[in-house]
Amino acid sequence: MNKTELIDEMGKVLQSKKEAKMALESLLSCVTEALKNDDSVTLTGFGTFKVTKRKARTMKNIQTGKMMAVKAKNVPKFTPGKNLKDSVN
């Protein structure tokens, strides 16, 4: 399911695609802002969005075969909650 299809499904519940799009954009904006500020977002039963720090490392460039350095960086991570895990299995 892509973003447009998700908005369509949400629109069926909210009775308006416009409201669904605004709700989804608002949610994504809030989660993004929280992660930028190094906060986590926990949606009970669904999961947790958080930022993890990836260490600097070296890796092999597949095209050239040479080793190259990769800088440390922050990456977003999602950990599913129990209800989400149970509904998938």
PDB file of N, CA and C in Angstrom:
ATOM      1  N   MET A   1       0.857  -1.171   0.000  1.00  0.00           N
ATOM      2  CA  MET A   1       0.000   0.000   0.000  1.00  0.00           C
ATOM      3  C   MET A   1       0.906   1.238   0.000  1.00  0.00           C
ATOM      4  N   ASN A   2       0.635   2.144  -0.884  1.00  0.00           N
ATOM      5  CA  ASN A   2       1.408   3.389  -0.916  1.00  0.00           C
ATOM      6  C   ASN A   2       0.625   4.509  -0.210  1.00  0.00           C
ATOM      7  N   LYS A   3       1.207   5.691  -0.196  1.00  0.00           N
ATOM      8  CA  LYS A   3       0.606   6.818   0.536  1.00  0.00           C
ATOM      9  C   LYS A   3      -0.783   7.173  -0.002  1.00  0.00           C
ATOM     10  N   THR A   4      -0.947   7.191  -1.310  1.00  0.00           N
ATOM     11  CA  THR A   4      -2.247   7.535  -1.915  1.00  0.00           C
ATOM     12  C   THR A   4      -3.313   6.514  -1.534  1.00  0.00           C
ATOM     13  N   GLU A   5      -2.954   5.242  -1.572  1.00  0.00           N
ATOM     14  CA  GLU A   5      -3.907   4.194  -1.202  1.00  0.00           C
ATOM     15  C   GLU A   5      -4.265   4.280   0.281  1.00  0.00           C
ATOM     16  N   LEU A   6      -3.287   4.624   1.106  1.00  0.00           N
ATOM     17  CA  LEU A   6      -3.555   4.793   2.534  1.00  0.00           C
ATOM     18  C   LEU A   6      -4.520   5.950   2.766  1.00  0.00           C
ATOM     19  N   ILE A   7      -4.317   7.045   2.069  1.00  0.00           N
ATOM     20  CA  ILE A   7      -5.225   8.199   2.181  1.00  0.00           C
ATOM     21  C   ILE A   7      -6.634   7.808   1.742  1.00  0.00           C
ATOM     22  N   ASP A   8      -6.744   7.023   0.676  1.00  0.00           N
ATOM     23  CA  ASP A   8      -8.054   6.559   0.216  1.00  0.00           C
ATOM     24  C   ASP A   8      -8.755   5.734   1.288  1.00  0.00           C
ATOM     25  N   GLU A   9      -8.004   4.819   1.937  1.00  0.00           N
ATOM     26  CA  GLU A   9      -8.595   3.984   2.990  1.00  0.00           C
ATOM     27  C   GLU A   9      -8.994   4.820   4.199  1.00  0.00           C
ATOM     28  N   MET A  10      -8.142   5.774   4.573  1.00  0.00           N
ATOM     29  CA  MET A  10      -8.472   6.657   5.693  1.00  0.00           C
ATOM     30  C   MET A  10      -9.670   7.531   5.348  1.00  0.00           C
ATOM     31  N   GLY A  11      -9.782   7.928   4.092  1.00  0.00           N
ATOM     32  CA  GLY A  11     -10.892   8.761   3.640  1.00  0.00           C
ATOM     33  C   GLY A  11     -12.233   8.070   3.790  1.00  0.00           C
ATOM     34  N   LYS A  12     -12.243   6.742   3.674  1.00  0.00           N
ATOM     35  CA  LYS A  12     -13.481   5.983   3.843  1.00  0.00           C
ATOM     36  C   LYS A  12     -13.983   6.084   5.288  1.00  0.00           C
ATOM     37  N   VAL A  13     -13.056   6.106   6.232  1.00  0.00           N
ATOM     38  CA  VAL A  13     -13.423   6.196   7.645  1.00  0.00           C
ATOM     39  C   VAL A  13     -13.771   7.632   8.027  1.00  0.00           C
ATOM     40  N   LEU A  14     -12.989   8.589   7.526  1.00  0.00           N
ATOM     41  CA  LEU A  14     -13.184   9.991   7.886  1.00  0.00           C
ATOM     42  C   LEU A  14     -14.214  10.704   7.006  1.00  0.00           C
ATOM     43  N   GLN A  15     -14.714  10.040   5.998  1.00  0.00           N
ATOM     44  CA  GLN A  15     -15.713  10.590   5.084  1.00  0.00           C
ATOM     45  C   GLN A  15     -15.164  11.678   4.164  1.00  0.00           C
ATOM     46  N   SER A  16     -13.847  11.895   4.172  1.00  0.00           N
ATOM     47  CA  SER A  16     -13.270  12.931   3.325  1.00  0.00           C
ATOM     48  C   SER A  16     -11.794  12.624   3.071  1.00  0.00           C
ATOM     49  N   LYS A  17     -11.426  12.591   1.784  1.00  0.00           N
ATOM     50  CA  LYS A  17     -10.021  12.370   1.445  1.00  0.00           C
ATOM     51  C   LYS A  17      -9.167  13.549   1.886  1.00  0.00           C
ATOM     52  N   LYS A  18      -9.753  14.748   1.829  1.00  0.00           N
ATOM     53  CA  LYS A  18      -9.021  15.947   2.220  1.00  0.00           C
ATOM     54  C   LYS A  18      -8.639  15.879   3.696  1.00  0.00           C
ATOM     55  N   GLU A  19      -9.586  15.485   4.544  1.00  0.00           N
ATOM     56  CA  GLU A  19      -9.310  15.346   5.974  1.00  0.00           C
ATOM     57  C   GLU A  19      -8.299  14.234   6.223  1.00  0.00           C
ATOM     58  N   ALA A  20      -8.422  13.145   5.484  1.00  0.00           N
ATOM     59  CA  ALA A  20      -7.503  12.021   5.634  1.00  0.00           C
ATOM     60  C   ALA A  20      -6.084  12.433   5.265  1.00  0.00           C
ATOM     61  N   LYS A  21      -5.952  13.187   4.178  1.00  0.00           N
ATOM     62  CA  LYS A  21      -4.631  13.641   3.752  1.00  0.00           C
ATOM     63  C   LYS A  21      -4.028  14.577   4.796  1.00  0.00           C
ATOM     64  N   MET A  22      -4.842  15.497   5.329  1.00  0.00           N
ATOM     65  CA  MET A  22      -4.366  16.415   6.364  1.00  0.00           C
ATOM     66  C   MET A  22      -3.948  15.660   7.628  1.00  0.00           C
ATOM     67  N   ALA A  23      -4.721  14.641   8.008  1.00  0.00           N
ATOM     68  CA  ALA A  23      -4.417  13.857   9.202  1.00  0.00           C
ATOM     69  C   ALA A  23      -3.103  13.093   9.029  1.00  0.00           C
ATOM     70  N   LEU A  24      -2.932  12.470   7.878  1.00  0.00           N
ATOM     71  CA  LEU A  24      -1.713  11.708   7.615  1.00  0.00           C
ATOM     72  C   LEU A  24      -0.494  12.626   7.546  1.00  0.00           C
ATOM     73  N   GLU A  25      -0.620  13.742   6.843  1.00  0.00           N
ATOM     74  CA  GLU A  25       0.488  14.697   6.739  1.00  0.00           C
ATOM     75  C   GLU A  25       0.859  15.243   8.117  1.00  0.00           C
ATOM     76  N   SER A  26      -0.140  15.494   8.943  1.00  0.00           N
ATOM     77  CA  SER A  26       0.100  15.989  10.298  1.00  0.00           C
ATOM     78  C   SER A  26       0.847  14.946  11.132  1.00  0.00           C
ATOM     79  N   LEU A  27       0.421  13.702  11.059  1.00  0.00           N
ATOM     80  CA  LEU A  27       1.086  12.625  11.789  1.00  0.00           C
ATOM     81  C   LEU A  27       2.542  12.496  11.354  1.00  0.00           C
ATOM     82  N   LEU A  28       2.771  12.445  10.045  1.00  0.00           N
ATOM     83  CA  LEU A  28       4.135  12.296   9.531  1.00  0.00           C
ATOM     84  C   LEU A  28       5.008  13.478   9.913  1.00  0.00           C
ATOM     85  N   SER A  29       4.437  14.669   9.877  1.00  0.00           N
ATOM     86  CA  SER A  29       5.174  15.871  10.248  1.00  0.00           C
ATOM     87  C   SER A  29       5.571  15.841  11.717  1.00  0.00           C
ATOM     88  N   CYS A  30       4.647  15.449  12.574  1.00  0.00           N
ATOM     89  CA  CYS A  30       4.926  15.386  14.014  1.00  0.00           C
ATOM     90  C   CYS A  30       5.981  14.337  14.333  1.00  0.00           C
ATOM     91  N   VAL A  31       5.896  13.176  13.709  1.00  0.00           N
ATOM     92  CA  VAL A  31       6.883  12.122  13.940  1.00  0.00           C
ATOM     93  C   VAL A  31       8.258  12.577  13.452  1.00  0.00           C
ATOM     94  N   THR A  32       8.308  13.179  12.278  1.00  0.00           N
ATOM     95  CA  THR A  32       9.572  13.666  11.723  1.00  0.00           C
ATOM     96  C   THR A  32      10.200  14.716  12.623  1.00  0.00           C
ATOM     97  N   GLU A  33       9.405  15.657  13.096  1.00  0.00           N
ATOM     98  CA  GLU A  33       9.901  16.721  13.973  1.00  0.00           C
ATOM     99  C   GLU A  33      10.437  16.141  15.277  1.00  0.00           C
ATOM    100  N   ALA A  34       9.718  15.176  15.844  1.00  0.00           N
ATOM    101  CA  ALA A  34      10.165  14.554  17.095  1.00  0.00           C
ATOM    102  C   ALA A  34      11.503  13.834  16.887  1.00  0.00           C
ATOM    103  N   LEU A  35      11.636  13.122  15.780  1.00  0.00           N
ATOM    104  CA  LEU A  35      12.886  12.409  15.513  1.00  0.00           C
ATOM    105  C   LEU A  35      14.036  13.376  15.255  1.00  0.00           C
ATOM    106  N   LYS A  36      13.752  14.505  14.611  1.00  0.00           N
ATOM    107  CA  LYS A  36      14.788  15.530  14.409  1.00  0.00           C
ATOM    108  C   LYS A  36      15.305  16.036  15.744  1.00  0.00           C
ATOM    109  N   ASN A  37      14.426  16.125  16.741  1.00  0.00           N
ATOM    110  CA  ASN A  37      14.787  16.605  18.074  1.00  0.00           C
ATOM    111  C   ASN A  37      15.297  15.481  18.974  1.00  0.00           C
ATOM    112  N   ASP A  38      15.579  14.330  18.376  1.00  0.00           N
ATOM    113  CA  ASP A  38      16.118  13.164  19.080  1.00  0.00           C
ATOM    114  C   ASP A  38      15.157  12.618  20.129  1.00  0.00           C
ATOM    115  N   ASP A  39      13.857  12.799  19.912  1.00  0.00           N
ATOM    116  CA  ASP A  39      12.828  12.227  20.777  1.00  0.00           C
ATOM    117  C   ASP A  39      12.315  10.940  20.144  1.00  0.00           C
ATOM    118  N   SER A  40      11.652  10.122  20.928  1.00  0.00           N
ATOM    119  CA  SER A  40      11.012   8.937  20.374  1.00  0.00           C
ATOM    120  C   SER A  40       9.502   9.159  20.378  1.00  0.00           C
ATOM    121  N   VAL A  41       8.803   8.455  19.500  1.00  0.00           N
ATOM    122  CA  VAL A  41       7.343   8.538  19.422  1.00  0.00           C
ATOM    123  C   VAL A  41       6.807   7.123  19.623  1.00  0.00           C
ATOM    124  N   THR A  42       6.030   6.936  20.679  1.00  0.00           N
ATOM    125  CA  THR A  42       5.475   5.623  20.989  1.00  0.00           C
ATOM    126  C   THR A  42       3.971   5.650  20.778  1.00  0.00           C
ATOM    127  N   LEU A  43       3.499   4.776  19.917  1.00  0.00           N
ATOM    128  CA  LEU A  43       2.066   4.590  19.695  1.00  0.00           C
ATOM    129  C   LEU A  43       1.733   3.231  20.307  1.00  0.00           C
ATOM    130  N   THR A  44       1.152   3.250  21.481  1.00  0.00           N
ATOM    131  CA  THR A  44       0.909   2.032  22.243  1.00  0.00           C
ATOM    132  C   THR A  44       0.155   1.007  21.399  1.00  0.00           C
ATOM    133  N   GLY A  45       0.687  -0.196  21.359  1.00  0.00           N
ATOM    134  CA  GLY A  45       0.086  -1.275  20.584  1.00  0.00           C
ATOM    135  C   GLY A  45       0.559  -1.315  19.152  1.00  0.00           C
ATOM    136  N   PHE A  46       1.028  -0.198  18.628  1.00  0.00           N
ATOM    137  CA  PHE A  46       1.483  -0.149  17.235  1.00  0.00           C
ATOM    138  C   PHE A  46       2.993  -0.250  17.151  1.00  0.00           C
ATOM    139  N   GLY A  47       3.698   0.634  17.869  1.00  0.00           N
ATOM    140  CA  GLY A  47       5.151   0.570  17.850  1.00  0.00           C
ATOM    141  C   GLY A  47       5.797   1.880  18.247  1.00  0.00           C
ATOM    142  N   THR A  48       7.126   1.901  18.146  1.00  0.00           N
ATOM    143  CA  THR A  48       7.907   3.059  18.554  1.00  0.00           C
ATOM    144  C   THR A  48       8.852   3.485  17.440  1.00  0.00           C
ATOM    145  N   PHE A  49       8.834   4.778  17.157  1.00  0.00           N
ATOM    146  CA  PHE A  49       9.779   5.381  16.232  1.00  0.00           C
ATOM    147  C   PHE A  49      10.860   6.039  17.081  1.00  0.00           C
ATOM    148  N   LYS A  50      12.130   5.778  16.772  1.00  0.00           N
ATOM    149  CA  LYS A  50      13.207   6.412  17.525  1.00  0.00           C
ATOM    150  C   LYS A  50      14.423   6.585  16.629  1.00  0.00           C
ATOM    151  N   VAL A  51      15.390   7.327  17.140  1.00  0.00           N
ATOM    152  CA  VAL A  51      16.626   7.574  16.405  1.00  0.00           C
ATOM    153  C   VAL A  51      17.734   6.766  17.065  1.00  0.00           C
ATOM    154  N   THR A  52      18.484   6.036  16.255  1.00  0.00           N
ATOM    155  CA  THR A  52      19.648   5.322  16.768  1.00  0.00           C
ATOM    156  C   THR A  52      20.894   5.891  16.118  1.00  0.00           C
ATOM    157  N   LYS A  53      22.000   5.778  16.801  1.00  0.00           N
ATOM    158  CA  LYS A  53      23.261   6.293  16.297  1.00  0.00           C
ATOM    159  C   LYS A  53      24.050   5.152  15.678  1.00  0.00           C
ATOM    160  N   ARG A  54      24.407   5.299  14.412  1.00  0.00           N
ATOM    161  CA  ARG A  54      25.213   4.299  13.722  1.00  0.00           C
ATOM    162  C   ARG A  54      26.670   4.727  13.809  1.00  0.00           C
ATOM    163  N   LYS A  55      27.537   3.848  14.241  1.00  0.00           N
ATOM    164  CA  LYS A  55      28.951   4.159  14.405  1.00  0.00           C
ATOM    165  C   LYS A  55      29.644   4.306  13.062  1.00  0.00           C
ATOM    166  N   ALA A  56      30.763   5.027  13.070  1.00  0.00           N
ATOM    167  CA  ALA A  56      31.601   5.127  11.876  1.00  0.00           C
ATOM    168  C   ALA A  56      32.186   3.744  11.601  1.00  0.00           C
ATOM    169  N   ARG A  57      32.358   3.412  10.337  1.00  0.00           N
ATOM    170  CA  ARG A  57      32.874   2.102   9.983  1.00  0.00           C
ATOM    171  C   ARG A  57      33.544   2.148   8.622  1.00  0.00           C
ATOM    172  N   THR A  58      34.195   1.086   8.261  1.00  0.00           N
ATOM    173  CA  THR A  58      34.758   0.989   6.916  1.00  0.00           C
ATOM    174  C   THR A  58      34.020  -0.124   6.199  1.00  0.00           C
ATOM    175  N   MET A  59      33.846   0.050   4.914  1.00  0.00           N
ATOM    176  CA  MET A  59      33.185  -0.976   4.120  1.00  0.00           C
ATOM    177  C   MET A  59      33.806  -1.025   2.740  1.00  0.00           C
ATOM    178  N   LYS A  60      33.564  -2.100   2.052  1.00  0.00           N
ATOM    179  CA  LYS A  60      34.151  -2.310   0.734  1.00  0.00           C
ATOM    180  C   LYS A  60      33.224  -1.764  -0.345  1.00  0.00           C
ATOM    181  N   ASN A  61      33.797  -0.947  -1.235  1.00  0.00           N
ATOM    182  CA  ASN A  61      33.057  -0.462  -2.393  1.00  0.00           C
ATOM    183  C   ASN A  61      32.979  -1.614  -3.385  1.00  0.00           C
ATOM    184  N   ILE A  62      31.800  -2.069  -3.706  1.00  0.00           N
ATOM    185  CA  ILE A  62      31.622  -3.240  -4.556  1.00  0.00           C
ATOM    186  C   ILE A  62      32.153  -2.999  -5.970  1.00  0.00           C
ATOM    187  N   GLN A  63      31.995  -1.791  -6.475  1.00  0.00           N
ATOM    188  CA  GLN A  63      32.419  -1.499  -7.850  1.00  0.00           C
ATOM    189  C   GLN A  63      33.931  -1.449  -8.002  1.00  0.00           C
ATOM    190  N   THR A  64      34.618  -0.843  -7.022  1.00  0.00           N
ATOM    191  CA  THR A  64      36.068  -0.683  -7.148  1.00  0.00           C
ATOM    192  C   THR A  64      36.849  -1.699  -6.328  1.00  0.00           C
ATOM    193  N   GLY A  65      36.227  -2.299  -5.329  1.00  0.00           N
ATOM    194  CA  GLY A  65      36.915  -3.254  -4.472  1.00  0.00           C
ATOM    195  C   GLY A  65      37.729  -2.588  -3.377  1.00  0.00           C
ATOM    196  N   LYS A  66      37.763  -1.265  -3.333  1.00  0.00           N
ATOM    197  CA  LYS A  66      38.542  -0.544  -2.329  1.00  0.00           C
ATOM    198  C   LYS A  66      37.729  -0.361  -1.053  1.00  0.00           C
ATOM    199  N   MET A  67      38.443  -0.273   0.063  1.00  0.00           N
ATOM    200  CA  MET A  67      37.805   0.004   1.341  1.00  0.00           C
ATOM    201  C   MET A  67      37.561   1.509   1.449  1.00  0.00           C
ATOM    202  N   MET A  68      36.424   1.886   2.016  1.00  0.00           N
ATOM    203  CA  MET A  68      36.096   3.297   2.167  1.00  0.00           C
ATOM    204  C   MET A  68      35.517   3.539   3.553  1.00  0.00           C
ATOM    205  N   ALA A  69      35.723   4.744   4.049  1.00  0.00           N
ATOM    206  CA  ALA A  69      35.221   5.109   5.373  1.00  0.00           C
ATOM    207  C   ALA A  69      33.797   5.641   5.262  1.00  0.00           C
ATOM    208  N   VAL A  70      32.961   5.225   6.187  1.00  0.00           N
ATOM    209  CA  VAL A  70      31.589   5.714   6.275  1.00  0.00           C
ATOM    210  C   VAL A  70      31.466   6.435   7.607  1.00  0.00           C
ATOM    211  N   LYS A  71      31.018   7.676   7.574  1.00  0.00           N
ATOM    212  CA  LYS A  71      30.902   8.495   8.781  1.00  0.00           C
ATOM    213  C   LYS A  71      29.783   7.997   9.690  1.00  0.00           C
ATOM    214  N   ALA A  72      29.895   8.325  10.967  1.00  0.00           N
ATOM    215  CA  ALA A  72      28.829   8.029  11.930  1.00  0.00           C
ATOM    216  C   ALA A  72      27.622   8.897  11.595  1.00  0.00           C
ATOM    217  N   LYS A  73      26.429   8.365  11.815  1.00  0.00           N
ATOM    218  CA  LYS A  73      25.224   9.155  11.549  1.00  0.00           C
ATOM    219  C   LYS A  73      24.054   8.630  12.359  1.00  0.00           C
ATOM    220  N   ASN A  74      23.025   9.437  12.442  1.00  0.00           N
ATOM    221  CA  ASN A  74      21.780   9.053  13.100  1.00  0.00           C
ATOM    222  C   ASN A  74      20.842   8.462  12.050  1.00  0.00           C
ATOM    223  N   VAL A  75      20.152   7.386  12.421  1.00  0.00           N
ATOM    224  CA  VAL A  75      19.208   6.759  11.507  1.00  0.00           C
ATOM    225  C   VAL A  75      17.885   6.507  12.228  1.00  0.00           C
ATOM    226  N   PRO A  76      16.753   6.668  11.537  1.00  0.00           N
ATOM    227  CA  PRO A  76      15.465   6.376  12.162  1.00  0.00           C
ATOM    228  C   PRO A  76      15.262   4.867  12.268  1.00  0.00           C
ATOM    229  N   LYS A  77      14.559   4.455  13.310  1.00  0.00           N
ATOM    230  CA  LYS A  77      14.290   3.035  13.527  1.00  0.00           C
ATOM    231  C   LYS A  77      12.855   2.885  14.018  1.00  0.00           C
ATOM    232  N   PHE A  78      12.189   1.841  13.546  1.00  0.00           N
ATOM    233  CA  PHE A  78      10.836   1.534  13.997  1.00  0.00           C
ATOM    234  C   PHE A  78      10.852   0.166  14.667  1.00  0.00           C
ATOM    235  N   THR A  79      10.311   0.100  15.867  1.00  0.00           N
ATOM    236  CA  THR A  79      10.177  -1.164  16.581  1.00  0.00           C
ATOM    237  C   THR A  79       8.689  -1.451  16.731  1.00  0.00           C
ATOM    238  N   PRO A  80       8.195  -2.528  16.118  1.00  0.00           N
ATOM    239  CA  PRO A  80       6.759  -2.818  16.202  1.00  0.00           C
ATOM    240  C   PRO A  80       6.341  -3.201  17.613  1.00  0.00           C
ATOM    241  N   GLY A  81       5.106  -2.842  17.953  1.00  0.00           N
ATOM    242  CA  GLY A  81       4.543  -3.181  19.258  1.00  0.00           C
ATOM    243  C   GLY A  81       3.926  -4.570  19.243  1.00  0.00           C
ATOM    244  N   LYS A  82       3.557  -5.048  20.418  1.00  0.00           N
ATOM    245  CA  LYS A  82       3.025  -6.401  20.563  1.00  0.00           C
ATOM    246  C   LYS A  82       1.764  -6.619  19.737  1.00  0.00           C
ATOM    247  N   ASN A  83       0.825  -5.670  19.783  1.00  0.00           N
ATOM    248  CA  ASN A  83      -0.437  -5.842  19.036  1.00  0.00           C
ATOM    249  C   ASN A  83      -0.178  -5.945  17.527  1.00  0.00           C
ATOM    250  N   LEU A  84       0.740  -5.133  17.014  1.00  0.00           N
ATOM    251  CA  LEU A  84       1.066  -5.187  15.587  1.00  0.00           C
ATOM    252  C   LEU A  84       1.704  -6.521  15.243  1.00  0.00           C
ATOM    253  N   LYS A  85       2.626  -6.982  16.061  1.00  0.00           N
ATOM    254  CA  LYS A  85       3.275  -8.278  15.822  1.00  0.00           C
ATOM    255  C   LYS A  85       2.251  -9.410  15.834  1.00  0.00           C
ATOM    256  N   ASP A  86       1.357  -9.370  16.829  1.00  0.00           N
ATOM    257  CA  ASP A  86       0.353 -10.425  16.945  1.00  0.00           C
ATOM    258  C   ASP A  86      -0.630 -10.424  15.778  1.00  0.00           C
ATOM    259  N   SER A  87      -0.970  -9.258  15.258  1.00  0.00           N
ATOM    260  CA  SER A  87      -1.943  -9.199  14.161  1.00  0.00           C
ATOM    261  C   SER A  87      -1.344  -9.681  12.844  1.00  0.00           C
ATOM    262  N   VAL A  88      -0.026  -9.625  12.722  1.00  0.00           N
ATOM    263  CA  VAL A  88       0.621 -10.084  11.490  1.00  0.00           C
ATOM    264  C   VAL A  88       0.750 -11.604  11.491  1.00  0.00           C
ATOM    265  N   ASN A  89       0.914 -12.195  12.668  1.00  0.00           N
ATOM    266  CA  ASN A  89       1.098 -13.666  12.747  1.00  0.00           C
ATOM    267  C   ASN A  89      -0.187 -14.392  12.947  1.00  0.00           C
TER     268      ASN A  89
END
